[in-house]
Amino acid sequence: MFILGDTAYGSCCVDVLGAEQAGAQALVHFGPACLSPPARPLPVAFVLGQRSVHLELCAKAFEAQNPDSKAPVVLLSEPACAHALEALATLLRPRYLDLLVSSPALPLTVGSCSPEPEPLERFGRRFPLAPGRCLEEYGAFYVGGSAASADLDLDPDLSRLLLGWAPGQPFFTCCPDTGQTQDEGVRAGRLRARRHYLVERARDARVVGLLAGTLGVARHQEALAHLRNLAQAAGKRSYVLALGRPTPPKLANFPEVDVFVLLACPLGALAPQPSGGFFRPVLAPCELEAACNPAWPPAGLAPHLTHYADLLPGSPFHVPLPPPDSELWDTPDVSLITGELRPPPVWKPSDDPGCLALTLRPQLELAESSPAALYLSSRSWQGLQPRLGQTPVTGAVSGRRGIAIAYEDEGSS
């Protein structure tokens, strides 16, 4: 038996790399989990924990926030409170007819089959929807959190639910200890507004840094190639950075990068940022997709996808890039941050036949430079200048002797 107490990236992901180094044949994951499929097949057992839930207080809070007994509502919870949802639904079902209970999307056992239709899997949970029903019709009642901690950024699992839930449906949270409820509509709007701002920053960016935030989640290499293709299609330069867990000092070493995109699991991409903040904004893959793909639906109509696998081919949410001759690339786009008109992608071929003709230049000029070189040329201090061949050759002379506080030629003071 081996105890793996440290991970290279997020503690919510299954550490298949550490398990392989130890030669493990199975893995037991303790604590919160994003339930993302691992990159390598390995039997995994999840121990999410069981937090005590005051069922009577939660039932009264549910009835107070949902007076309409026919309104469709989904019972959600943090992973440690998932064991009490069925008991809570038993107290509510005599009155509420359209009540749906979610469950963690734990991996199914090999060879297991059920005559019932396969439930919908989203947000790391399974929703047993009836035929003809969709999740966008339901409101949400979330059991979890703490009454003492009102900061939403401390819980990335709740953040991804608020971002991905239908904006027109109510969303309430309930503390399992006290039964205190809160309407999360205002905080959900703030999260969406923040994400819309990050999309605008990505559209204005010229250099994109792709942060490898996971190596153990399935299809991460395919997602990395997809993001690089997106940046190239939009006329942006991209650099892949493998820095482990991103911190402000690490990312400050790349001042020429305009925005960073964290390729991680759904919880890792929405993890709270350090108190100091980053020098450049850190985006999720969905925000780069919305910024670089002109075929992506506009804000308010497109779903916010928290898992990068939903952007790849084969997913029902995948939107392919339009061909280079599509009119979508020529749509005028004005930055909502600077107020300037954004230029079209530089890679797109022009319809002007004269653009292919060679033009004589009077002298040699640098046609294209790297973003790092352009950034260096704009700085006031560019380092030591050797000036080869521009300074006369002189013989070596004796320099000053002593220490900085008192050289020999300065005398005594």
Protein backbone atom coordinates (compact mmCIF):
# COMPACT_ATOMS: atom_id res chain seq x y z
CA MET A 1 0.00 0.00 0.00
CA PHE A 2 1.20 3.50 -0.90
CA ILE A 3 -0.20 6.82 0.38
CA LEU A 4 -0.05 9.57 -2.27
CA GLY A 5 -0.34 12.80 -0.35
CA ASP A 6 0.80 15.34 -2.94
CA THR A 7 -0.29 15.98 -6.51
CA ALA A 8 1.39 18.00 -9.23
CA TYR A 9 -1.78 19.91 -10.12
CA GLY A 10 -5.17 19.62 -8.39
CA SER A 11 -6.08 17.39 -5.48
CA CYS A 12 -9.56 16.78 -6.90
CA CYS A 13 -8.23 14.70 -9.82
CA VAL A 14 -7.32 11.05 -9.63
CA ASP A 15 -3.53 10.82 -9.38
CA VAL A 16 -3.02 8.14 -12.01
CA LEU A 17 0.56 9.28 -12.65
CA GLY A 18 1.56 8.79 -9.04
CA ALA A 19 -0.23 5.45 -8.98
CA GLU A 20 1.70 4.28 -12.03
CA GLN A 21 5.01 5.30 -10.51
CA ALA A 22 4.15 3.24 -7.44
CA GLY A 23 3.03 0.31 -9.60
CA ALA A 24 -0.47 0.37 -8.11
CA GLN A 25 -3.19 -1.85 -9.55
CA ALA A 26 -6.05 0.14 -7.97
CA LEU A 27 -6.56 3.52 -6.36
CA VAL A 28 -8.71 4.85 -3.52
CA HIS A 29 -9.44 8.57 -3.74
CA PHE A 30 -10.35 10.34 -0.49
CA GLY A 31 -12.04 13.72 -0.30
CA PRO A 32 -13.62 16.02 -2.90
CA ALA A 33 -13.32 14.85 -6.49
CA CYS A 34 -14.08 16.35 -9.88
CA LEU A 35 -15.00 12.85 -11.15
CA SER A 36 -13.27 13.49 -14.46
CA PRO A 37 -12.38 10.35 -16.43
CA PRO A 38 -8.69 9.49 -15.98
CA ALA A 39 -6.31 9.45 -18.91
CA ARG A 40 -5.32 5.83 -18.24
CA PRO A 41 -7.63 2.96 -17.28
CA LEU A 42 -7.27 2.26 -13.59
CA PRO A 43 -9.82 0.92 -11.07
CA VAL A 44 -10.70 3.82 -8.76
CA ALA A 45 -12.87 3.81 -5.64
CA PHE A 46 -14.06 7.21 -4.39
CA VAL A 47 -14.58 8.02 -0.71
CA LEU A 48 -16.35 11.40 -0.75
CA GLY A 49 -17.21 11.47 2.95
CA GLN A 50 -20.56 11.88 4.67
CA ARG A 51 -21.45 15.21 6.22
CA SER A 52 -24.37 15.36 8.63
CA VAL A 53 -27.51 16.95 7.18
CA HIS A 54 -30.45 18.25 9.23
CA LEU A 55 -33.25 16.88 7.05
CA GLU A 56 -36.15 18.62 8.79
CA LEU A 57 -34.57 22.07 8.54
CA CYS A 58 -33.63 21.53 4.90
CA ALA A 59 -37.17 20.32 4.08
CA LYS A 60 -38.70 23.43 5.68
CA ALA A 61 -36.26 25.65 3.80
CA PHE A 62 -37.18 23.93 0.53
CA GLU A 63 -40.89 24.47 1.14
CA ALA A 64 -40.32 28.13 1.98
CA GLN A 65 -38.42 28.79 -1.26
CA ASN A 66 -40.66 26.66 -3.50
CA PRO A 67 -44.33 27.39 -2.74
CA ASP A 68 -45.48 25.97 -6.09
CA SER A 69 -45.76 22.20 -5.67
CA LYS A 70 -45.86 21.61 -9.44
CA ALA A 71 -42.69 23.51 -10.33
CA PRO A 72 -39.83 21.24 -11.51
CA VAL A 73 -36.87 21.33 -9.11
CA VAL A 74 -33.59 19.39 -8.96
CA LEU A 75 -31.99 18.47 -5.64
CA LEU A 76 -28.25 19.12 -5.75
CA SER A 77 -25.61 18.89 -3.08
CA GLU A 78 -21.92 18.98 -2.41
CA PRO A 79 -20.33 15.52 -2.68
CA ALA A 80 -20.22 14.99 1.09
CA CYS A 81 -24.00 15.58 1.39
CA ALA A 82 -25.08 13.41 -1.55
CA HIS A 83 -25.96 10.51 0.76
CA ALA A 84 -28.88 12.48 2.27
CA LEU A 85 -30.61 13.62 -0.94
CA GLU A 86 -32.81 10.55 -1.27
CA ALA A 87 -33.96 10.87 2.35
CA LEU A 88 -34.69 14.56 1.78
CA ALA A 89 -36.66 13.74 -1.36
CA THR A 90 -38.73 11.20 0.59
CA LEU A 91 -39.87 13.99 2.92
CA LEU A 92 -40.77 16.28 0.02
CA ARG A 93 -42.36 13.93 -2.54
CA PRO A 94 -45.77 13.64 -0.90
CA ARG A 95 -46.30 17.29 -1.83
CA TYR A 96 -43.92 18.01 -4.71
CA LEU A 97 -44.69 16.00 -7.82
CA ASP A 98 -41.91 17.04 -10.21
CA LEU A 99 -38.82 16.49 -8.04
CA LEU A 100 -35.54 15.21 -9.48
CA VAL A 101 -32.66 13.87 -7.39
CA SER A 102 -29.11 14.09 -8.71
CA SER A 103 -26.27 11.79 -7.73
CA PRO A 104 -22.47 11.92 -8.14
CA ALA A 105 -21.29 10.54 -11.48
CA LEU A 106 -19.18 7.79 -9.97
CA PRO A 107 -17.63 5.35 -12.46
CA LEU A 108 -19.88 2.41 -13.21
CA THR A 109 -18.73 -1.12 -12.58
CA VAL A 110 -17.62 -3.13 -15.57
CA GLY A 111 -20.44 -5.19 -17.07
CA SER A 112 -23.20 -3.37 -15.18
CA CYS A 113 -26.37 -2.85 -17.20
CA SER A 114 -29.76 -1.45 -16.32
CA PRO A 115 -33.06 -1.64 -18.21
CA GLU A 116 -33.67 2.04 -17.45
CA PRO A 117 -32.44 4.69 -19.94
CA GLU A 118 -28.99 6.11 -19.32
CA PRO A 119 -29.22 9.27 -17.18
CA LEU A 120 -27.84 12.61 -18.29
CA GLU A 121 -24.31 13.34 -17.04
CA ARG A 122 -23.39 17.00 -16.47
CA PHE A 123 -21.48 18.94 -13.82
CA GLY A 124 -20.04 15.68 -12.45
CA ARG A 125 -23.54 14.42 -11.62
CA ARG A 126 -26.21 12.16 -13.07
CA PHE A 127 -29.75 13.39 -13.65
CA PRO A 128 -32.42 10.69 -14.25
CA LEU A 129 -34.55 12.77 -16.61
CA ALA A 130 -37.82 11.42 -17.96
CA PRO A 131 -38.11 11.00 -21.75
CA GLY A 132 -38.81 14.31 -23.42
CA ARG A 133 -37.57 16.43 -20.49
CA CYS A 134 -34.47 18.62 -20.44
CA LEU A 135 -32.43 19.98 -17.57
CA GLU A 136 -33.03 23.60 -18.59
CA GLU A 137 -36.65 23.28 -17.39
CA TYR A 138 -35.68 22.72 -13.75
CA GLY A 139 -34.80 25.03 -10.92
CA ALA A 140 -32.11 24.04 -8.44
CA PHE A 141 -31.92 23.55 -4.68
CA TYR A 142 -28.33 23.02 -3.55
CA VAL A 143 -27.54 21.51 -0.14
CA GLY A 144 -24.03 22.37 0.97
CA GLY A 145 -21.68 25.12 1.97
CA SER A 146 -21.50 26.86 5.30
CA ALA A 147 -23.41 29.76 6.75
CA ALA A 148 -20.18 31.23 8.13
CA SER A 149 -18.46 31.28 4.72
CA ALA A 150 -20.37 33.45 2.27
CA ASP A 151 -17.58 33.75 -0.28
CA LEU A 152 -18.65 31.98 -3.45
CA ASP A 153 -15.13 31.79 -4.84
CA LEU A 154 -14.16 29.27 -2.17
CA ASP A 155 -16.27 26.53 -3.78
CA PRO A 156 -15.44 25.83 -7.44
CA ASP A 157 -18.05 23.05 -7.57
CA LEU A 158 -20.83 25.52 -6.80
CA SER A 159 -19.30 28.03 -9.22
CA ARG A 160 -19.53 25.62 -12.15
CA LEU A 161 -23.15 24.88 -11.30
CA LEU A 162 -24.06 28.57 -11.23
CA LEU A 163 -22.23 29.24 -14.50
CA GLY A 164 -23.73 26.29 -16.35
CA TRP A 165 -27.28 26.41 -15.00
CA ALA A 166 -30.05 27.96 -17.06
CA PRO A 167 -30.07 31.74 -16.32
CA GLY A 168 -33.85 31.93 -16.22
CA GLN A 169 -34.29 29.25 -13.54
CA PRO A 170 -34.09 29.88 -9.77
CA PHE A 171 -31.09 28.59 -7.86
CA PHE A 172 -31.09 28.37 -4.05
CA THR A 173 -28.42 27.13 -1.66
CA CYS A 174 -29.14 25.67 1.76
CA CYS A 175 -26.76 25.15 4.66
CA PRO A 176 -27.10 21.50 5.81
CA ASP A 177 -26.50 22.43 9.46
CA THR A 178 -28.81 25.42 9.98
CA GLY A 179 -31.20 25.26 7.01
CA GLN A 180 -30.36 28.85 6.07
CA THR A 181 -31.08 29.50 2.38
CA GLN A 182 -29.83 32.08 -0.07
CA ASP A 183 -30.86 33.07 -3.58
CA GLU A 184 -27.78 32.78 -5.80
CA GLY A 185 -29.18 34.69 -8.76
CA VAL A 186 -27.14 37.81 -8.04
CA ARG A 187 -23.88 35.96 -7.56
CA ALA A 188 -24.51 33.89 -10.67
CA GLY A 189 -24.94 37.11 -12.65
CA ARG A 190 -21.64 38.42 -11.30
CA LEU A 191 -19.86 35.23 -12.31
CA ARG A 192 -21.27 35.42 -15.83
CA ALA A 193 -20.34 39.09 -16.12
CA ARG A 194 -16.79 38.24 -15.07
CA ARG A 195 -16.63 35.50 -17.70
CA HIS A 196 -17.91 37.87 -20.40
CA TYR A 197 -15.16 40.31 -19.46
CA LEU A 198 -12.54 37.56 -19.78
CA VAL A 199 -13.87 36.69 -23.25
CA GLU A 200 -13.33 40.32 -24.31
CA ARG A 201 -9.80 40.24 -22.92
CA ALA A 202 -9.12 37.09 -24.92
CA ARG A 203 -10.38 38.74 -28.11
CA ASP A 204 -8.05 41.70 -27.58
CA ALA A 205 -5.06 39.47 -26.80
CA ARG A 206 -2.33 38.84 -29.34
CA VAL A 207 -0.29 36.32 -27.35
CA VAL A 208 -1.99 33.46 -25.48
CA GLY A 209 -0.28 31.25 -22.92
CA LEU A 210 -1.72 27.74 -22.66
CA LEU A 211 -1.13 26.37 -19.16
CA ALA A 212 -1.01 22.60 -18.86
CA GLY A 213 -3.06 22.13 -15.70
CA THR A 214 -3.53 18.38 -15.83
CA LEU A 215 -1.82 15.28 -17.15
CA GLY A 216 -4.15 12.69 -15.68
CA VAL A 217 -7.52 13.63 -17.20
CA ALA A 218 -8.62 11.98 -20.43
CA ARG A 219 -8.21 13.78 -23.78
CA HIS A 220 -6.00 16.55 -22.42
CA GLN A 221 -3.58 16.29 -25.35
CA GLU A 222 -6.42 16.50 -27.85
CA ALA A 223 -7.78 19.55 -26.02
CA LEU A 224 -4.37 21.21 -26.08
CA ALA A 225 -4.13 20.75 -29.85
CA HIS A 226 -7.66 22.12 -30.21
CA LEU A 227 -6.81 25.28 -28.27
CA ARG A 228 -3.66 25.86 -30.32
CA ASN A 229 -5.69 25.53 -33.49
CA LEU A 230 -8.20 28.05 -32.15
CA ALA A 231 -5.51 30.60 -31.38
CA GLN A 232 -3.88 30.16 -34.78
CA ALA A 233 -7.21 30.52 -36.60
CA ALA A 234 -7.88 33.79 -34.78
CA GLY A 235 -4.46 35.20 -35.69
CA LYS A 236 -2.99 34.85 -32.20
CA ARG A 237 0.29 33.34 -31.10
CA SER A 238 0.16 30.62 -28.49
CA TYR A 239 2.78 29.15 -26.19
CA VAL A 240 2.39 25.98 -24.15
CA LEU A 241 3.66 26.31 -20.58
CA ALA A 242 4.05 23.42 -18.15
CA LEU A 243 4.54 25.11 -14.78
CA GLY A 244 2.67 22.84 -12.39
CA ARG A 245 0.16 24.71 -10.27
CA PRO A 246 -0.05 28.30 -11.58
CA THR A 247 0.95 31.00 -9.12
CA PRO A 248 1.41 34.77 -9.62
CA PRO A 249 5.25 34.61 -9.34
CA LYS A 250 5.41 31.88 -12.00
CA LEU A 251 3.20 33.67 -14.51
CA ALA A 252 4.90 37.02 -13.88
CA ASN A 253 7.95 35.61 -15.69
CA PHE A 254 6.04 35.90 -18.99
CA PRO A 255 5.05 39.59 -19.24
CA GLU A 256 4.66 39.42 -23.04
CA VAL A 257 1.69 37.02 -22.68
CA ASP A 258 -1.63 38.89 -22.74
CA VAL A 259 -3.90 36.15 -21.34
CA PHE A 260 -3.42 32.66 -19.96
CA VAL A 261 -5.74 29.70 -20.54
CA LEU A 262 -5.71 27.00 -17.88
CA LEU A 263 -6.32 23.55 -19.35
CA ALA A 264 -7.49 21.66 -16.27
CA CYS A 265 -10.42 19.72 -14.90
CA PRO A 266 -13.71 21.60 -14.30
CA LEU A 267 -12.86 22.31 -10.66
CA GLY A 268 -9.24 23.21 -11.39
CA ALA A 269 -10.20 25.72 -14.08
CA LEU A 270 -12.53 27.51 -11.63
CA ALA A 271 -10.31 27.23 -8.57
CA PRO A 272 -10.09 30.43 -6.49
CA GLN A 273 -7.16 32.66 -7.37
CA PRO A 274 -4.54 33.61 -4.77
CA SER A 275 -5.10 36.73 -2.73
CA GLY A 276 -2.35 38.60 -4.59
CA GLY A 277 -3.96 38.01 -7.98
CA PHE A 278 -2.32 37.31 -11.30
CA PHE A 279 -0.50 39.81 -13.50
CA ARG A 280 -2.60 38.67 -16.47
CA PRO A 281 -6.10 37.14 -16.43
CA VAL A 282 -6.43 33.35 -16.35
CA LEU A 283 -9.23 31.98 -18.54
CA ALA A 284 -11.04 28.68 -18.94
CA PRO A 285 -10.98 26.83 -22.29
CA CYS A 286 -14.63 27.70 -22.94
CA GLU A 287 -13.82 31.41 -22.85
CA LEU A 288 -11.05 31.04 -25.43
CA GLU A 289 -13.48 29.11 -27.62
CA ALA A 290 -16.01 31.93 -27.39
CA ALA A 291 -13.33 34.50 -28.22
CA CYS A 292 -11.67 32.76 -31.18
CA ASN A 293 -14.48 30.82 -32.86
CA PRO A 294 -16.77 33.20 -34.83
CA ALA A 295 -19.35 30.41 -35.21
CA TRP A 296 -19.80 30.20 -31.44
CA PRO A 297 -23.24 31.44 -30.29
CA PRO A 298 -23.31 34.95 -28.82
CA ALA A 299 -23.31 35.67 -25.11
CA GLY A 300 -26.57 34.72 -23.46
CA LEU A 301 -27.33 31.95 -25.95
CA ALA A 302 -24.23 29.80 -25.62
CA PRO A 303 -23.87 27.45 -22.64
CA HIS A 304 -20.89 27.89 -20.35
CA LEU A 305 -19.05 24.58 -20.57
CA THR A 306 -16.83 23.88 -17.59
CA HIS A 307 -15.13 20.78 -19.01
CA TYR A 308 -12.83 21.07 -21.99
CA ALA A 309 -14.02 17.69 -23.31
CA ASP A 310 -17.35 19.34 -24.23
CA LEU A 311 -15.51 21.50 -26.79
CA LEU A 312 -13.94 18.59 -28.67
CA PRO A 313 -15.39 16.72 -31.66
CA GLY A 314 -17.88 14.08 -30.63
CA SER A 315 -19.53 16.25 -28.00
CA PRO A 316 -23.06 17.62 -28.60
CA PHE A 317 -21.73 21.10 -27.77
CA HIS A 318 -18.86 21.02 -30.29
CA VAL A 319 -18.92 23.90 -32.81
CA PRO A 320 -16.43 23.45 -35.69
CA LEU A 321 -14.45 26.37 -37.00
CA PRO A 322 -15.87 27.96 -40.18
CA PRO A 323 -13.80 27.64 -43.38
CA PRO A 324 -11.29 30.41 -44.17
CA ASP A 325 -13.52 31.86 -46.90
CA SER A 326 -16.53 32.17 -44.59
CA GLU A 327 -18.11 35.57 -44.08
CA LEU A 328 -18.02 35.06 -40.32
CA TRP A 329 -14.34 36.03 -40.28
CA ASP A 330 -15.17 39.40 -41.89
CA THR A 331 -17.81 40.40 -39.35
CA PRO A 332 -16.86 43.78 -37.82
CA ASP A 333 -15.90 43.37 -34.18
CA VAL A 334 -15.44 46.25 -31.74
CA SER A 335 -13.67 45.78 -28.45
CA LEU A 336 -15.87 46.54 -25.46
CA ILE A 337 -12.76 47.33 -23.40
CA THR A 338 -10.77 49.66 -25.65
CA GLY A 339 -13.56 50.75 -27.99
CA GLU A 340 -11.38 50.09 -31.05
CA LEU A 341 -12.19 48.02 -34.11
CA ARG A 342 -10.43 44.68 -34.01
CA PRO A 343 -8.50 43.75 -37.17
CA PRO A 344 -9.39 40.51 -38.98
CA PRO A 345 -7.12 37.49 -38.50
CA VAL A 346 -3.80 38.01 -40.28
CA TRP A 347 -3.69 34.44 -41.59
CA LYS A 348 -6.90 34.81 -43.62
CA PRO A 349 -6.13 35.20 -47.35
CA SER A 350 -7.28 38.45 -48.90
CA ASP A 351 -9.51 38.70 -51.99
CA ASP A 352 -7.28 41.36 -53.50
CA PRO A 353 -5.17 39.76 -56.29
CA GLY A 354 -2.52 42.42 -55.85
CA CYS A 355 -1.61 41.15 -52.42
CA LEU A 356 0.25 38.21 -54.00
CA ALA A 357 2.56 40.41 -56.06
CA LEU A 358 6.12 40.98 -54.86
CA THR A 359 7.00 44.50 -53.79
CA LEU A 360 10.55 45.82 -53.97
CA ARG A 361 11.88 47.21 -50.74
CA PRO A 362 14.61 49.84 -50.60
CA GLN A 363 16.40 48.09 -47.78
CA LEU A 364 16.23 44.94 -45.77
CA GLU A 365 13.42 45.02 -43.22
CA LEU A 366 12.20 42.59 -40.63
CA ALA A 367 8.88 41.31 -41.99
CA GLU A 368 7.73 39.53 -38.85
CA SER A 369 9.04 39.30 -35.34
CA SER A 370 8.15 37.23 -32.35
CA PRO A 371 5.93 38.74 -29.62
CA ALA A 372 8.81 38.45 -27.16
CA ALA A 373 11.09 40.50 -29.44
CA LEU A 374 8.38 43.12 -30.00
CA TYR A 375 7.81 43.41 -26.29
CA LEU A 376 11.54 43.72 -25.65
CA SER A 377 11.86 46.53 -28.19
CA SER A 378 9.14 48.52 -26.43
CA ARG A 379 10.89 48.44 -23.05
CA SER A 380 12.94 51.42 -21.89
CA TRP A 381 15.79 49.19 -20.63
CA GLN A 382 16.70 46.24 -22.81
CA GLY A 383 19.73 44.96 -20.96
CA LEU A 384 23.44 45.46 -21.62
CA GLN A 385 24.21 46.70 -25.12
CA PRO A 386 27.41 45.12 -26.50
CA ARG A 387 27.74 47.59 -29.45
CA LEU A 388 30.07 45.32 -31.38
CA GLY A 389 32.37 47.34 -33.66
CA GLN A 390 31.03 50.70 -32.43
CA THR A 391 33.48 51.38 -29.59
CA PRO A 392 37.28 51.85 -29.93
CA VAL A 393 39.62 49.20 -28.63
CA THR A 394 41.58 50.31 -25.55
CA GLY A 395 44.04 48.61 -23.31
CA ALA A 396 43.15 47.28 -19.88
CA VAL A 397 43.52 49.79 -17.05
CA SER A 398 43.50 49.38 -13.30
CA GLY A 399 40.12 49.80 -11.72
CA ARG A 400 39.05 50.93 -8.29
CA ARG A 401 40.15 48.95 -5.27
CA GLY A 402 38.28 48.37 -2.04
CA ILE A 403 34.67 47.79 -1.14
CA ALA A 404 31.60 49.75 -2.19
CA ILE A 405 31.36 51.59 1.11
CA ALA A 406 34.94 52.86 1.02
CA TYR A 407 37.19 52.68 -2.07
CA GLU A 408 40.93 53.41 -1.68
CA ASP A 409 40.85 56.54 -3.88
CA GLU A 410 37.98 58.09 -1.87
CA GLY A 411 39.98 58.66 1.28
CA SER A 412 38.57 58.56 4.76
CA SER A 413 35.43 60.45 5.75
